[in-house]
Amino acid sequence: MEKATFGLDENVASAACYVLTWLTGIIFFLVEKDNKTVRFHAMQSILTFLPLMIIIWIISAIIGVMMIGAAGMGAVGIWGIFSLIIMLIWIVMLLLWLFLMWKAYSGEKFLVPIVGPIAEAQVK
C-alpha cells in the first residue's frame, strides 16, 4: 500500500481527511503534496462539510436574532422550523461523514454529487 501524509497508508490518510470534517480536510490538503487520492478526499471533505456548516451557522444566527426579538408565538413557530432544518442537516452530515470515511478507508473513490467532480478537478 502506498504511503501518504504523516507516513500513513493511503487508505488511512484518505479516511482521516474526514475525521474532523472540513478541518482535517484543510490540514491534509495543505500538507499532502503528492498523493492525488488523499488530496481528492481532503478537497471533497472541505467542499462537502464546510458549506453545510456555514448553512448551520447562518440558520443558528437567524434563530438567535429571532429569539432576541421574539414578541409572539409566530417567532417560536419559525424557530421550530429552523431547528428542524438544522437537525436534518446534522443527521445528513453524520451519515455522510460515516459513509465517506468508510468508502475512503475501503480504498473506494466515491464522488459526492456536485462537489465530488469539483474536488476531482482541483487535484488533477
PDB file of N, CA and C in Angstrom:
ATOM      1  N   MET A   1       0.849  -1.179   0.000  1.00  0.00           N
ATOM      2  CA  MET A   1       0.000   0.000   0.000  1.00  0.00           C
ATOM      3  C   MET A   1       0.897   1.245   0.000  1.00  0.00           C
ATOM      4  N   GLU A   2       0.506   2.201  -0.786  1.00  0.00           N
ATOM      5  CA  GLU A   2       1.270   3.433  -0.921  1.00  0.00           C
ATOM      6  C   GLU A   2       1.164   4.272   0.355  1.00  0.00           C
ATOM      7  N   LYS A   3       2.290   4.873   0.747  1.00  0.00           N
ATOM      8  CA  LYS A   3       2.315   5.747   1.929  1.00  0.00           C
ATOM      9  C   LYS A   3       1.895   7.154   1.518  1.00  0.00           C
ATOM     10  N   ALA A   4       1.322   7.861   2.475  1.00  0.00           N
ATOM     11  CA  ALA A   4       0.846   9.216   2.200  1.00  0.00           C
ATOM     12  C   ALA A   4       1.227  10.122   3.364  1.00  0.00           C
ATOM     13  N   THR A   5       0.434  11.117   3.588  1.00  0.00           N
ATOM     14  CA  THR A   5       0.649  12.122   4.621  1.00  0.00           C
ATOM     15  C   THR A   5       0.954  11.503   5.978  1.00  0.00           C
ATOM     16  N   PHE A   6       1.944  12.077   6.659  1.00  0.00           N
ATOM     17  CA  PHE A   6       2.339  11.659   8.004  1.00  0.00           C
ATOM     18  C   PHE A   6       2.747  10.185   8.071  1.00  0.00           C
ATOM     19  N   GLY A   7       3.157   9.612   6.936  1.00  0.00           N
ATOM     20  CA  GLY A   7       3.579   8.218   6.886  1.00  0.00           C
ATOM     21  C   GLY A   7       2.445   7.209   6.978  1.00  0.00           C
ATOM     22  N   LEU A   8       1.222   7.672   6.853  1.00  0.00           N
ATOM     23  CA  LEU A   8       0.057   6.793   6.925  1.00  0.00           C
ATOM     24  C   LEU A   8      -0.148   6.065   5.599  1.00  0.00           C
ATOM     25  N   ASP A   9      -0.757   4.898   5.661  1.00  0.00           N
ATOM     26  CA  ASP A   9      -1.173   4.236   4.435  1.00  0.00           C
ATOM     27  C   ASP A   9      -2.189   5.135   3.733  1.00  0.00           C
ATOM     28  N   GLU A  10      -2.244   5.016   2.421  1.00  0.00           N
ATOM     29  CA  GLU A  10      -3.116   5.882   1.628  1.00  0.00           C
ATOM     30  C   GLU A  10      -4.578   5.810   2.082  1.00  0.00           C
ATOM     31  N   ASN A  11      -5.079   4.606   2.349  1.00  0.00           N
ATOM     32  CA  ASN A  11      -6.486   4.492   2.749  1.00  0.00           C
ATOM     33  C   ASN A  11      -6.742   5.107   4.129  1.00  0.00           C
ATOM     34  N   VAL A  12      -5.785   4.987   5.027  1.00  0.00           N
ATOM     35  CA  VAL A  12      -5.937   5.575   6.358  1.00  0.00           C
ATOM     36  C   VAL A  12      -5.900   7.099   6.268  1.00  0.00           C
ATOM     37  N   ALA A  13      -4.964   7.634   5.493  1.00  0.00           N
ATOM     38  CA  ALA A  13      -4.870   9.085   5.315  1.00  0.00           C
ATOM     39  C   ALA A  13      -6.129   9.624   4.624  1.00  0.00           C
ATOM     40  N   SER A  14      -6.631   8.867   3.648  1.00  0.00           N
ATOM     41  CA  SER A  14      -7.851   9.296   2.944  1.00  0.00           C
ATOM     42  C   SER A  14      -9.032   9.358   3.904  1.00  0.00           C
ATOM     43  N   ALA A  15      -9.182   8.344   4.740  1.00  0.00           N
ATOM     44  CA  ALA A  15     -10.275   8.343   5.726  1.00  0.00           C
ATOM     45  C   ALA A  15     -10.074   9.450   6.755  1.00  0.00           C
ATOM     46  N   ALA A  16      -8.842   9.699   7.133  1.00  0.00           N
ATOM     47  CA  ALA A  16      -8.544  10.732   8.133  1.00  0.00           C
ATOM     48  C   ALA A  16      -8.912  12.129   7.638  1.00  0.00           C
ATOM     49  N   CYS A  17      -8.967  12.315   6.337  1.00  0.00           N
ATOM     50  CA  CYS A  17      -9.378  13.613   5.788  1.00  0.00           C
ATOM     51  C   CYS A  17     -10.776  14.001   6.249  1.00  0.00           C
ATOM     52  N   TYR A  18     -11.568  13.022   6.618  1.00  0.00           N
ATOM     53  CA  TYR A  18     -12.959  13.266   7.010  1.00  0.00           C
ATOM     54  C   TYR A  18     -13.169  13.304   8.529  1.00  0.00           C
ATOM     55  N   VAL A  19     -12.168  12.906   9.302  1.00  0.00           N
ATOM     56  CA  VAL A  19     -12.348  12.728  10.748  1.00  0.00           C
ATOM     57  C   VAL A  19     -12.919  13.982  11.420  1.00  0.00           C
ATOM     58  N   LEU A  20     -12.328  15.129  11.193  1.00  0.00           N
ATOM     59  CA  LEU A  20     -12.854  16.386  11.743  1.00  0.00           C
ATOM     60  C   LEU A  20     -13.483  17.220  10.638  1.00  0.00           C
ATOM     61  N   THR A  21     -14.102  16.537   9.729  1.00  0.00           N
ATOM     62  CA  THR A  21     -14.787  17.103   8.559  1.00  0.00           C
ATOM     63  C   THR A  21     -13.864  18.060   7.794  1.00  0.00           C
ATOM     64  N   TRP A  22     -14.310  19.287   7.586  1.00  0.00           N
ATOM     65  CA  TRP A  22     -13.556  20.211   6.740  1.00  0.00           C
ATOM     66  C   TRP A  22     -12.219  20.620   7.362  1.00  0.00           C
ATOM     67  N   LEU A  23     -12.114  20.572   8.671  1.00  0.00           N
ATOM     68  CA  LEU A  23     -10.863  20.974   9.327  1.00  0.00           C
ATOM     69  C   LEU A  23      -9.717  20.028   8.971  1.00  0.00           C
ATOM     70  N   THR A  24      -9.934  18.712   9.101  1.00  0.00           N
ATOM     71  CA  THR A  24      -8.880  17.771   8.701  1.00  0.00           C
ATOM     72  C   THR A  24      -8.719  17.767   7.192  1.00  0.00           C
ATOM     73  N   GLY A  25      -9.785  18.086   6.478  1.00  0.00           N
ATOM     74  CA  GLY A  25      -9.665  18.232   5.027  1.00  0.00           C
ATOM     75  C   GLY A  25      -8.662  19.307   4.670  1.00  0.00           C
ATOM     76  N   ILE A  26      -8.752  20.453   5.329  1.00  0.00           N
ATOM     77  CA  ILE A  26      -7.808  21.552   5.069  1.00  0.00           C
ATOM     78  C   ILE A  26      -6.389  21.132   5.442  1.00  0.00           C
ATOM     79  N   ILE A  27      -6.232  20.504   6.598  1.00  0.00           N
ATOM     80  CA  ILE A  27      -4.898  20.090   7.042  1.00  0.00           C
ATOM     81  C   ILE A  27      -4.259  19.145   6.033  1.00  0.00           C
ATOM     82  N   PHE A  28      -4.992  18.103   5.647  1.00  0.00           N
ATOM     83  CA  PHE A  28      -4.429  17.134   4.706  1.00  0.00           C
ATOM     84  C   PHE A  28      -4.211  17.746   3.331  1.00  0.00           C
ATOM     85  N   PHE A  29      -5.088  18.636   2.900  1.00  0.00           N
ATOM     86  CA  PHE A  29      -4.907  19.263   1.589  1.00  0.00           C
ATOM     87  C   PHE A  29      -3.649  20.130   1.560  1.00  0.00           C
ATOM     88  N   LEU A  30      -3.383  20.821   2.648  1.00  0.00           N
ATOM     89  CA  LEU A  30      -2.197  21.682   2.705  1.00  0.00           C
ATOM     90  C   LEU A  30      -0.907  20.887   2.876  1.00  0.00           C
ATOM     91  N   VAL A  31      -0.960  19.784   3.624  1.00  0.00           N
ATOM     92  CA  VAL A  31       0.240  19.008   3.925  1.00  0.00           C
ATOM     93  C   VAL A  31       0.589  18.041   2.798  1.00  0.00           C
ATOM     94  N   GLU A  32      -0.407  17.358   2.260  1.00  0.00           N
ATOM     95  CA  GLU A  32      -0.157  16.355   1.215  1.00  0.00           C
ATOM     96  C   GLU A  32       0.061  17.046  -0.132  1.00  0.00           C
ATOM     97  N   LYS A  33       1.206  16.823  -0.719  1.00  0.00           N
ATOM     98  CA  LYS A  33       1.527  17.469  -1.993  1.00  0.00           C
ATOM     99  C   LYS A  33       1.541  16.494  -3.164  1.00  0.00           C
ATOM    100  N   ASP A  34       1.748  15.195  -2.913  1.00  0.00           N
ATOM    101  CA  ASP A  34       1.955  14.241  -3.994  1.00  0.00           C
ATOM    102  C   ASP A  34       0.798  13.280  -4.234  1.00  0.00           C
ATOM    103  N   ASN A  35       0.189  12.777  -3.187  1.00  0.00           N
ATOM    104  CA  ASN A  35      -0.810  11.729  -3.331  1.00  0.00           C
ATOM    105  C   ASN A  35      -2.153  12.325  -3.754  1.00  0.00           C
ATOM    106  N   LYS A  36      -2.526  12.070  -4.992  1.00  0.00           N
ATOM    107  CA  LYS A  36      -3.757  12.654  -5.542  1.00  0.00           C
ATOM    108  C   LYS A  36      -5.018  12.078  -4.896  1.00  0.00           C
ATOM    109  N   THR A  37      -4.949  10.835  -4.455  1.00  0.00           N
ATOM    110  CA  THR A  37      -6.112  10.232  -3.801  1.00  0.00           C
ATOM    111  C   THR A  37      -6.403  10.927  -2.481  1.00  0.00           C
ATOM    112  N   VAL A  38      -5.385  11.132  -1.683  1.00  0.00           N
ATOM    113  CA  VAL A  38      -5.563  11.813  -0.399  1.00  0.00           C
ATOM    114  C   VAL A  38      -5.984  13.261  -0.634  1.00  0.00           C
ATOM    115  N   ARG A  39      -5.385  13.917  -1.602  1.00  0.00           N
ATOM    116  CA  ARG A  39      -5.764  15.301  -1.914  1.00  0.00           C
ATOM    117  C   ARG A  39      -7.234  15.386  -2.350  1.00  0.00           C
ATOM    118  N   PHE A  40      -7.678  14.395  -3.131  1.00  0.00           N
ATOM    119  CA  PHE A  40      -9.084  14.359  -3.548  1.00  0.00           C
ATOM    120  C   PHE A  40     -10.006  14.272  -2.325  1.00  0.00           C
ATOM    121  N   HIS A  41      -9.723  13.327  -1.426  1.00  0.00           N
ATOM    122  CA  HIS A  41     -10.575  13.157  -0.246  1.00  0.00           C
ATOM    123  C   HIS A  41     -10.533  14.400   0.644  1.00  0.00           C
ATOM    124  N   ALA A  42      -9.370  15.016   0.748  1.00  0.00           N
ATOM    125  CA  ALA A  42      -9.261  16.243   1.542  1.00  0.00           C
ATOM    126  C   ALA A  42     -10.126  17.349   0.936  1.00  0.00           C
ATOM    127  N   MET A  43     -10.025  17.538  -0.374  1.00  0.00           N
ATOM    128  CA  MET A  43     -10.814  18.586  -1.031  1.00  0.00           C
ATOM    129  C   MET A  43     -12.304  18.274  -0.967  1.00  0.00           C
ATOM    130  N   GLN A  44     -12.673  17.011  -1.147  1.00  0.00           N
ATOM    131  CA  GLN A  44     -14.081  16.653  -1.073  1.00  0.00           C
ATOM    132  C   GLN A  44     -14.623  16.886   0.341  1.00  0.00           C
ATOM    133  N   SER A  45     -13.811  16.619   1.351  1.00  0.00           N
ATOM    134  CA  SER A  45     -14.213  16.884   2.726  1.00  0.00           C
ATOM    135  C   SER A  45     -14.476  18.374   2.941  1.00  0.00           C
ATOM    136  N   ILE A  46     -13.595  19.197   2.430  1.00  0.00           N
ATOM    137  CA  ILE A  46     -13.754  20.656   2.555  1.00  0.00           C
ATOM    138  C   ILE A  46     -15.021  21.119   1.838  1.00  0.00           C
ATOM    139  N   LEU A  47     -15.168  20.690   0.586  1.00  0.00           N
ATOM    140  CA  LEU A  47     -16.285  21.159  -0.236  1.00  0.00           C
ATOM    141  C   LEU A  47     -17.637  20.589   0.193  1.00  0.00           C
ATOM    142  N   THR A  48     -17.617  19.489   0.918  1.00  0.00           N
ATOM    143  CA  THR A  48     -18.864  18.893   1.391  1.00  0.00           C
ATOM    144  C   THR A  48     -19.284  19.482   2.728  1.00  0.00           C
ATOM    145  N   PHE A  49     -18.371  19.498   3.677  1.00  0.00           N
ATOM    146  CA  PHE A  49     -18.759  19.820   5.050  1.00  0.00           C
ATOM    147  C   PHE A  49     -18.685  21.303   5.404  1.00  0.00           C
ATOM    148  N   LEU A  50     -17.782  22.055   4.802  1.00  0.00           N
ATOM    149  CA  LEU A  50     -17.711  23.486   5.125  1.00  0.00           C
ATOM    150  C   LEU A  50     -18.989  24.224   4.727  1.00  0.00           C
ATOM    151  N   PRO A  51     -19.505  24.034   3.509  1.00  0.00           N
ATOM    152  CA  PRO A  51     -20.767  24.720   3.179  1.00  0.00           C
ATOM    153  C   PRO A  51     -21.938  24.303   4.083  1.00  0.00           C
ATOM    154  N   LEU A  52     -21.996  23.022   4.441  1.00  0.00           N
ATOM    155  CA  LEU A  52     -23.064  22.582   5.337  1.00  0.00           C
ATOM    156  C   LEU A  52     -22.939  23.242   6.708  1.00  0.00           C
ATOM    157  N   MET A  53     -21.704  23.367   7.204  1.00  0.00           N
ATOM    158  CA  MET A  53     -21.500  24.042   8.492  1.00  0.00           C
ATOM    159  C   MET A  53     -21.857  25.525   8.394  1.00  0.00           C
ATOM    160  N   ILE A  54     -21.512  26.161   7.289  1.00  0.00           N
ATOM    161  CA  ILE A  54     -21.853  27.579   7.109  1.00  0.00           C
ATOM    162  C   ILE A  54     -23.363  27.764   7.105  1.00  0.00           C
ATOM    163  N   ILE A  55     -24.083  26.851   6.457  1.00  0.00           N
ATOM    164  CA  ILE A  55     -25.547  26.914   6.463  1.00  0.00           C
ATOM    165  C   ILE A  55     -26.076  26.795   7.886  1.00  0.00           C
ATOM    166  N   ILE A  56     -25.518  25.867   8.654  1.00  0.00           N
ATOM    167  CA  ILE A  56     -25.945  25.706  10.047  1.00  0.00           C
ATOM    168  C   ILE A  56     -25.656  26.969  10.846  1.00  0.00           C
ATOM    169  N   TRP A  57     -24.471  27.555  10.652  1.00  0.00           N
ATOM    170  CA  TRP A  57     -24.129  28.782  11.374  1.00  0.00           C
ATOM    171  C   TRP A  57     -25.095  29.922  11.031  1.00  0.00           C
ATOM    172  N   ILE A  58     -25.432  30.046   9.753  1.00  0.00           N
ATOM    173  CA  ILE A  58     -26.349  31.119   9.326  1.00  0.00           C
ATOM    174  C   ILE A  58     -27.731  30.914   9.934  1.00  0.00           C
ATOM    175  N   ILE A  59     -28.248  29.684   9.840  1.00  0.00           N
ATOM    176  CA  ILE A  59     -29.577  29.408  10.404  1.00  0.00           C
ATOM    177  C   ILE A  59     -29.566  29.617  11.920  1.00  0.00           C
ATOM    178  N   SER A  60     -28.485  29.207  12.577  1.00  0.00           N
ATOM    179  CA  SER A  60     -28.380  29.408  14.027  1.00  0.00           C
ATOM    180  C   SER A  60     -28.372  30.895  14.373  1.00  0.00           C
ATOM    181  N   ALA A  61     -27.687  31.697  13.571  1.00  0.00           N
ATOM    182  CA  ALA A  61     -27.670  33.142  13.802  1.00  0.00           C
ATOM    183  C   ALA A  61     -29.061  33.725  13.620  1.00  0.00           C
ATOM    184  N   ILE A  62     -29.778  33.245  12.613  1.00  0.00           N
ATOM    185  CA  ILE A  62     -31.149  33.722  12.391  1.00  0.00           C
ATOM    186  C   ILE A  62     -32.019  33.363  13.590  1.00  0.00           C
ATOM    187  N   ILE A  63     -31.886  32.145  14.082  1.00  0.00           N
ATOM    188  CA  ILE A  63     -32.656  31.723  15.258  1.00  0.00           C
ATOM    189  C   ILE A  63     -32.313  32.610  16.449  1.00  0.00           C
ATOM    190  N   GLY A  64     -31.023  32.895  16.635  1.00  0.00           N
ATOM    191  CA  GLY A  64     -30.600  33.746  17.743  1.00  0.00           C
ATOM    192  C   GLY A  64     -31.210  35.131  17.673  1.00  0.00           C
ATOM    193  N   VAL A  65     -31.210  35.724  16.497  1.00  0.00           N
ATOM    194  CA  VAL A  65     -31.792  37.056  16.322  1.00  0.00           C
ATOM    195  C   VAL A  65     -33.295  37.003  16.558  1.00  0.00           C
ATOM    196  N   MET A  66     -33.925  35.945  16.050  1.00  0.00           N
ATOM    197  CA  MET A  66     -35.371  35.821  16.239  1.00  0.00           C
ATOM    198  C   MET A  66     -35.735  35.656  17.703  1.00  0.00           C
ATOM    199  N   MET A  67     -34.949  34.912  18.435  1.00  0.00           N
ATOM    200  CA  MET A  67     -35.248  34.682  19.846  1.00  0.00           C
ATOM    201  C   MET A  67     -35.038  35.952  20.668  1.00  0.00           C
ATOM    202  N   ILE A  68     -34.056  36.747  20.264  1.00  0.00           N
ATOM    203  CA  ILE A  68     -33.832  38.016  20.965  1.00  0.00           C
ATOM    204  C   ILE A  68     -35.021  38.945  20.744  1.00  0.00           C
ATOM    205  N   GLY A  69     -35.519  38.963  19.520  1.00  0.00           N
ATOM    206  CA  GLY A  69     -36.618  39.868  19.191  1.00  0.00           C
ATOM    207  C   GLY A  69     -37.981  39.210  19.216  1.00  0.00           C
ATOM    208  N   ALA A  70     -38.066  38.000  19.739  1.00  0.00           N
ATOM    209  CA  ALA A  70     -39.350  37.277  19.728  1.00  0.00           C
ATOM    210  C   ALA A  70     -40.371  37.986  20.596  1.00  0.00           C
ATOM    211  N   ALA A  71     -41.452  38.391  19.941  1.00  0.00           N
ATOM    212  CA  ALA A  71     -42.508  39.065  20.686  1.00  0.00           C
ATOM    213  C   ALA A  71     -43.764  38.217  20.757  1.00  0.00           C
ATOM    214  N   GLY A  72     -43.886  37.278  19.842  1.00  0.00           N
ATOM    215  CA  GLY A  72     -45.111  36.488  19.826  1.00  0.00           C
ATOM    216  C   GLY A  72     -44.821  35.043  19.462  1.00  0.00           C
ATOM    217  N   MET A  73     -45.863  34.286  19.335  1.00  0.00           N
ATOM    218  CA  MET A  73     -45.742  32.865  19.047  1.00  0.00           C
ATOM    219  C   MET A  73     -45.285  32.600  17.614  1.00  0.00           C
ATOM    220  N   GLY A  74     -45.474  33.555  16.713  1.00  0.00           N
ATOM    221  CA  GLY A  74     -45.043  33.372  15.325  1.00  0.00           C
ATOM    222  C   GLY A  74     -43.552  33.101  15.238  1.00  0.00           C
ATOM    223  N   ALA A  75     -42.783  33.831  16.030  1.00  0.00           N
ATOM    224  CA  ALA A  75     -41.331  33.643  16.030  1.00  0.00           C
ATOM    225  C   ALA A  75     -40.961  32.276  16.576  1.00  0.00           C
ATOM    226  N   VAL A  76     -41.703  31.802  17.553  1.00  0.00           N
ATOM    227  CA  VAL A  76     -41.420  30.498  18.144  1.00  0.00           C
ATOM    228  C   VAL A  76     -41.696  29.396  17.129  1.00  0.00           C
ATOM    229  N   GLY A  77     -42.770  29.526  16.337  1.00  0.00           N
ATOM    230  CA  GLY A  77     -43.081  28.544  15.305  1.00  0.00           C
ATOM    231  C   GLY A  77     -42.017  28.486  14.231  1.00  0.00           C
ATOM    232  N   ILE A  78     -41.543  29.632  13.809  1.00  0.00           N
ATOM    233  CA  ILE A  78     -40.484  29.692  12.799  1.00  0.00           C
ATOM    234  C   ILE A  78     -39.194  29.136  13.394  1.00  0.00           C
ATOM    235  N   TRP A  79     -38.931  29.416  14.668  1.00  0.00           N
ATOM    236  CA  TRP A  79     -37.757  28.870  15.354  1.00  0.00           C
ATOM    237  C   TRP A  79     -37.777  27.352  15.294  1.00  0.00           C
ATOM    238  N   GLY A  80     -38.971  26.771  15.503  1.00  0.00           N
ATOM    239  CA  GLY A  80     -39.112  25.314  15.457  1.00  0.00           C
ATOM    240  C   GLY A  80     -38.796  24.758  14.077  1.00  0.00           C
ATOM    241  N   ILE A  81     -39.236  25.438  13.046  1.00  0.00           N
ATOM    242  CA  ILE A  81     -38.944  25.003  11.669  1.00  0.00           C
ATOM    243  C   ILE A  81     -37.450  25.074  11.399  1.00  0.00           C
ATOM    244  N   PHE A  82     -36.820  26.185  11.763  1.00  0.00           N
ATOM    245  CA  PHE A  82     -35.373  26.328  11.562  1.00  0.00           C
ATOM    246  C   PHE A  82     -34.604  25.286  12.372  1.00  0.00           C
ATOM    247  N   SER A  83     -35.062  24.999  13.579  1.00  0.00           N
ATOM    248  CA  SER A  83     -34.405  23.983  14.402  1.00  0.00           C
ATOM    249  C   SER A  83     -34.515  22.608  13.752  1.00  0.00           C
ATOM    250  N   LEU A  84     -35.652  22.311  13.171  1.00  0.00           N
ATOM    251  CA  LEU A  84     -35.840  21.046  12.461  1.00  0.00           C
ATOM    252  C   LEU A  84     -34.897  20.956  11.263  1.00  0.00           C
ATOM    253  N   ILE A  85     -34.760  22.047  10.539  1.00  0.00           N
ATOM    254  CA  ILE A  85     -33.842  22.074   9.397  1.00  0.00           C
ATOM    255  C   ILE A  85     -32.413  21.804   9.856  1.00  0.00           C
ATOM    256  N   ILE A  86     -31.997  22.447  10.937  1.00  0.00           N
ATOM    257  CA  ILE A  86     -30.647  22.226  11.467  1.00  0.00           C
ATOM    258  C   ILE A  86     -30.460  20.769  11.870  1.00  0.00           C
ATOM    259  N   MET A  87     -31.455  20.202  12.533  1.00  0.00           N
ATOM    260  CA  MET A  87     -31.363  18.806  12.959  1.00  0.00           C
ATOM    261  C   MET A  87     -31.234  17.878  11.742  1.00  0.00           C
ATOM    262  N   LEU A  88     -32.000  18.132  10.699  1.00  0.00           N
ATOM    263  CA  LEU A  88     -31.924  17.308   9.492  1.00  0.00           C
ATOM    264  C   LEU A  88     -30.555  17.433   8.815  1.00  0.00           C
ATOM    265  N   ILE A  89     -30.006  18.635   8.783  1.00  0.00           N
ATOM    266  CA  ILE A  89     -28.668  18.828   8.205  1.00  0.00           C
ATOM    267  C   ILE A  89     -27.639  18.046   9.023  1.00  0.00           C
ATOM    268  N   TRP A  90     -27.742  18.092  10.351  1.00  0.00           N
ATOM    269  CA  TRP A  90     -26.806  17.346  11.210  1.00  0.00           C
ATOM    270  C   TRP A  90     -26.903  15.846  10.950  1.00  0.00           C
ATOM    271  N   ILE A  91     -28.115  15.339  10.781  1.00  0.00           N
ATOM    272  CA  ILE A  91     -28.290  13.900  10.516  1.00  0.00           C
ATOM    273  C   ILE A  91     -27.668  13.531   9.181  1.00  0.00           C
ATOM    274  N   VAL A  92     -27.920  14.338   8.157  1.00  0.00           N
ATOM    275  CA  VAL A  92     -27.320  14.095   6.836  1.00  0.00           C
ATOM    276  C   VAL A  92     -25.804  14.149   6.933  1.00  0.00           C
ATOM    277  N   MET A  93     -25.286  15.131   7.655  1.00  0.00           N
ATOM    278  CA  MET A  93     -23.835  15.250   7.807  1.00  0.00           C
ATOM    279  C   MET A  93     -23.249  14.033   8.507  1.00  0.00           C
ATOM    280  N   LEU A  94     -23.902  13.565   9.555  1.00  0.00           N
ATOM    281  CA  LEU A  94     -23.409  12.400  10.296  1.00  0.00           C
ATOM    282  C   LEU A  94     -23.363  11.163   9.398  1.00  0.00           C
ATOM    283  N   LEU A  95     -24.447  10.911   8.689  1.00  0.00           N
ATOM    284  CA  LEU A  95     -24.494   9.742   7.816  1.00  0.00           C
ATOM    285  C   LEU A  95     -23.475   9.852   6.679  1.00  0.00           C
ATOM    286  N   LEU A  96     -23.372  11.029   6.088  1.00  0.00           N
ATOM    287  CA  LEU A  96     -22.406  11.246   5.008  1.00  0.00           C
ATOM    288  C   LEU A  96     -20.977  11.120   5.522  1.00  0.00           C
ATOM    289  N   TRP A  97     -20.723  11.642   6.699  1.00  0.00           N
ATOM    290  CA  TRP A  97     -19.405  11.574   7.324  1.00  0.00           C
ATOM    291  C   TRP A  97     -18.969  10.118   7.506  1.00  0.00           C
ATOM    292  N   LEU A  98     -19.849   9.312   8.104  1.00  0.00           N
ATOM    293  CA  LEU A  98     -19.541   7.892   8.313  1.00  0.00           C
ATOM    294  C   LEU A  98     -19.351   7.161   6.985  1.00  0.00           C
ATOM    295  N   PHE A  99     -20.235   7.420   6.040  1.00  0.00           N
ATOM    296  CA  PHE A  99     -20.175   6.774   4.730  1.00  0.00           C
ATOM    297  C   PHE A  99     -18.872   7.120   3.996  1.00  0.00           C
ATOM    298  N   LEU A 100     -18.500   8.392   3.993  1.00  0.00           N
ATOM    299  CA  LEU A 100     -17.289   8.819   3.275  1.00  0.00           C
ATOM    300  C   LEU A 100     -16.021   8.276   3.919  1.00  0.00           C
ATOM    301  N   MET A 101     -15.989   8.232   5.251  1.00  0.00           N
ATOM    302  CA  MET A 101     -14.818   7.647   5.911  1.00  0.00           C
ATOM    303  C   MET A 101     -14.701   6.163   5.570  1.00  0.00           C
ATOM    304  N   TRP A 102     -15.815   5.466   5.578  1.00  0.00           N
ATOM    305  CA  TRP A 102     -15.825   4.039   5.262  1.00  0.00           C
ATOM    306  C   TRP A 102     -15.376   3.791   3.826  1.00  0.00           C
ATOM    307  N   LYS A 103     -15.907   4.566   2.877  1.00  0.00           N
ATOM    308  CA  LYS A 103     -15.526   4.418   1.470  1.00  0.00           C
ATOM    309  C   LYS A 103     -14.042   4.713   1.282  1.00  0.00           C
ATOM    310  N   ALA A 104     -13.555   5.787   1.900  1.00  0.00           N
ATOM    311  CA  ALA A 104     -12.147   6.163   1.759  1.00  0.00           C
ATOM    312  C   ALA A 104     -11.254   5.084   2.362  1.00  0.00           C
ATOM    313  N   TYR A 105     -11.604   4.582   3.527  1.00  0.00           N
ATOM    314  CA  TYR A 105     -10.803   3.544   4.170  1.00  0.00           C
ATOM    315  C   TYR A 105     -10.807   2.259   3.340  1.00  0.00           C
ATOM    316  N   SER A 106     -11.916   1.991   2.670  1.00  0.00           N
ATOM    317  CA  SER A 106     -12.029   0.805   1.810  1.00  0.00           C
ATOM    318  C   SER A 106     -11.272   0.967   0.502  1.00  0.00           C
ATOM    319  N   GLY A 107     -10.740   2.145   0.262  1.00  0.00           N
ATOM    320  CA  GLY A 107      -9.997   2.405  -0.964  1.00  0.00           C
ATOM    321  C   GLY A 107     -10.878   2.760  -2.152  1.00  0.00           C
ATOM    322  N   GLU A 108     -12.148   3.043  -1.883  1.00  0.00           N
ATOM    323  CA  GLU A 108     -13.075   3.405  -2.948  1.00  0.00           C
ATOM    324  C   GLU A 108     -13.136   4.924  -3.087  1.00  0.00           C
ATOM    325  N   LYS A 109     -13.277   5.352  -4.326  1.00  0.00           N
ATOM    326  CA  LYS A 109     -13.362   6.790  -4.606  1.00  0.00           C
ATOM    327  C   LYS A 109     -14.815   7.120  -4.915  1.00  0.00           C
ATOM    328  N   PHE A 110     -15.546   7.515  -3.899  1.00  0.00           N
ATOM    329  CA  PHE A 110     -16.948   7.887  -4.063  1.00  0.00           C
ATOM    330  C   PHE A 110     -17.019   9.398  -4.271  1.00  0.00           C
ATOM    331  N   LEU A 111     -17.680   9.829  -5.335  1.00  0.00           N
ATOM    332  CA  LEU A 111     -17.845  11.248  -5.606  1.00  0.00           C
ATOM    333  C   LEU A 111     -19.196  11.715  -5.081  1.00  0.00           C
ATOM    334  N   VAL A 112     -19.173  12.609  -4.127  1.00  0.00           N
ATOM    335  CA  VAL A 112     -20.393  13.219  -3.622  1.00  0.00           C
ATOM    336  C   VAL A 112     -20.982  14.045  -4.766  1.00  0.00           C
ATOM    337  N   PRO A 113     -22.286  13.919  -5.019  1.00  0.00           N
ATOM    338  CA  PRO A 113     -22.875  14.719  -6.095  1.00  0.00           C
ATOM    339  C   PRO A 113     -22.541  16.204  -5.950  1.00  0.00           C
ATOM    340  N   ILE A 114     -22.307  16.841  -7.036  1.00  0.00           N
ATOM    341  CA  ILE A 114     -21.964  18.260  -7.182  1.00  0.00           C
ATOM    342  C   ILE A 114     -20.524  18.543  -6.750  1.00  0.00           C
ATOM    343  N   VAL A 115     -20.155  18.280  -5.496  1.00  0.00           N
ATOM    344  CA  VAL A 115     -18.817  18.651  -5.021  1.00  0.00           C
ATOM    345  C   VAL A 115     -17.735  17.644  -5.406  1.00  0.00           C
ATOM    346  N   GLY A 116     -18.093  16.376  -5.574  1.00  0.00           N
ATOM    347  CA  GLY A 116     -17.119  15.355  -5.937  1.00  0.00           C
ATOM    348  C   GLY A 116     -16.378  15.657  -7.226  1.00  0.00           C
ATOM    349  N   PRO A 117     -17.111  15.964  -8.315  1.00  0.00           N
ATOM    350  CA  PRO A 117     -16.417  16.311  -9.561  1.00  0.00           C
ATOM    351  C   PRO A 117     -15.564  17.580  -9.442  1.00  0.00           C
ATOM    352  N   ILE A 118     -15.995  18.518  -8.643  1.00  0.00           N
ATOM    353  CA  ILE A 118     -15.221  19.750  -8.419  1.00  0.00           C
ATOM    354  C   ILE A 118     -13.932  19.394  -7.683  1.00  0.00           C
ATOM    355  N   ALA A 119     -14.032  18.557  -6.654  1.00  0.00           N
ATOM    356  CA  ALA A 119     -12.846  18.138  -5.897  1.00  0.00           C
ATOM    357  C   ALA A 119     -11.882  17.382  -6.813  1.00  0.00           C
ATOM    358  N   GLU A 120     -12.418  16.519  -7.654  1.00  0.00           N
ATOM    359  CA  GLU A 120     -11.584  15.755  -8.577  1.00  0.00           C
ATOM    360  C   GLU A 120     -10.851  16.677  -9.544  1.00  0.00           C
ATOM    361  N   ALA A 121     -11.515  17.711 -10.029  1.00  0.00           N
ATOM    362  CA  ALA A 121     -10.896  18.655 -10.948  1.00  0.00           C
ATOM    363  C   ALA A 121      -9.791  19.475 -10.268  1.00  0.00           C
ATOM    364  N   GLN A 122      -9.939  19.709  -8.973  1.00  0.00           N
ATOM    365  CA  GLN A 122      -8.950  20.507  -8.238  1.00  0.00           C
ATOM    366  C   GLN A 122      -7.633  19.799  -8.019  1.00  0.00           C
ATOM    367  N   VAL A 123      -7.625  18.479  -8.060  1.00  0.00           N
ATOM    368  CA  VAL A 123      -6.400  17.735  -7.739  1.00  0.00           C
ATOM    369  C   VAL A 123      -5.715  17.140  -8.967  1.00  0.00           C
ATOM    370  N   LYS A 124      -6.222  17.395 -10.139  1.00  0.00           N
ATOM    371  CA  LYS A 124      -5.600  16.846 -11.360  1.00  0.00           C
ATOM    372  C   LYS A 124      -4.355  17.609 -11.729  1.00  0.00           C
TER     373      LYS A 124
END
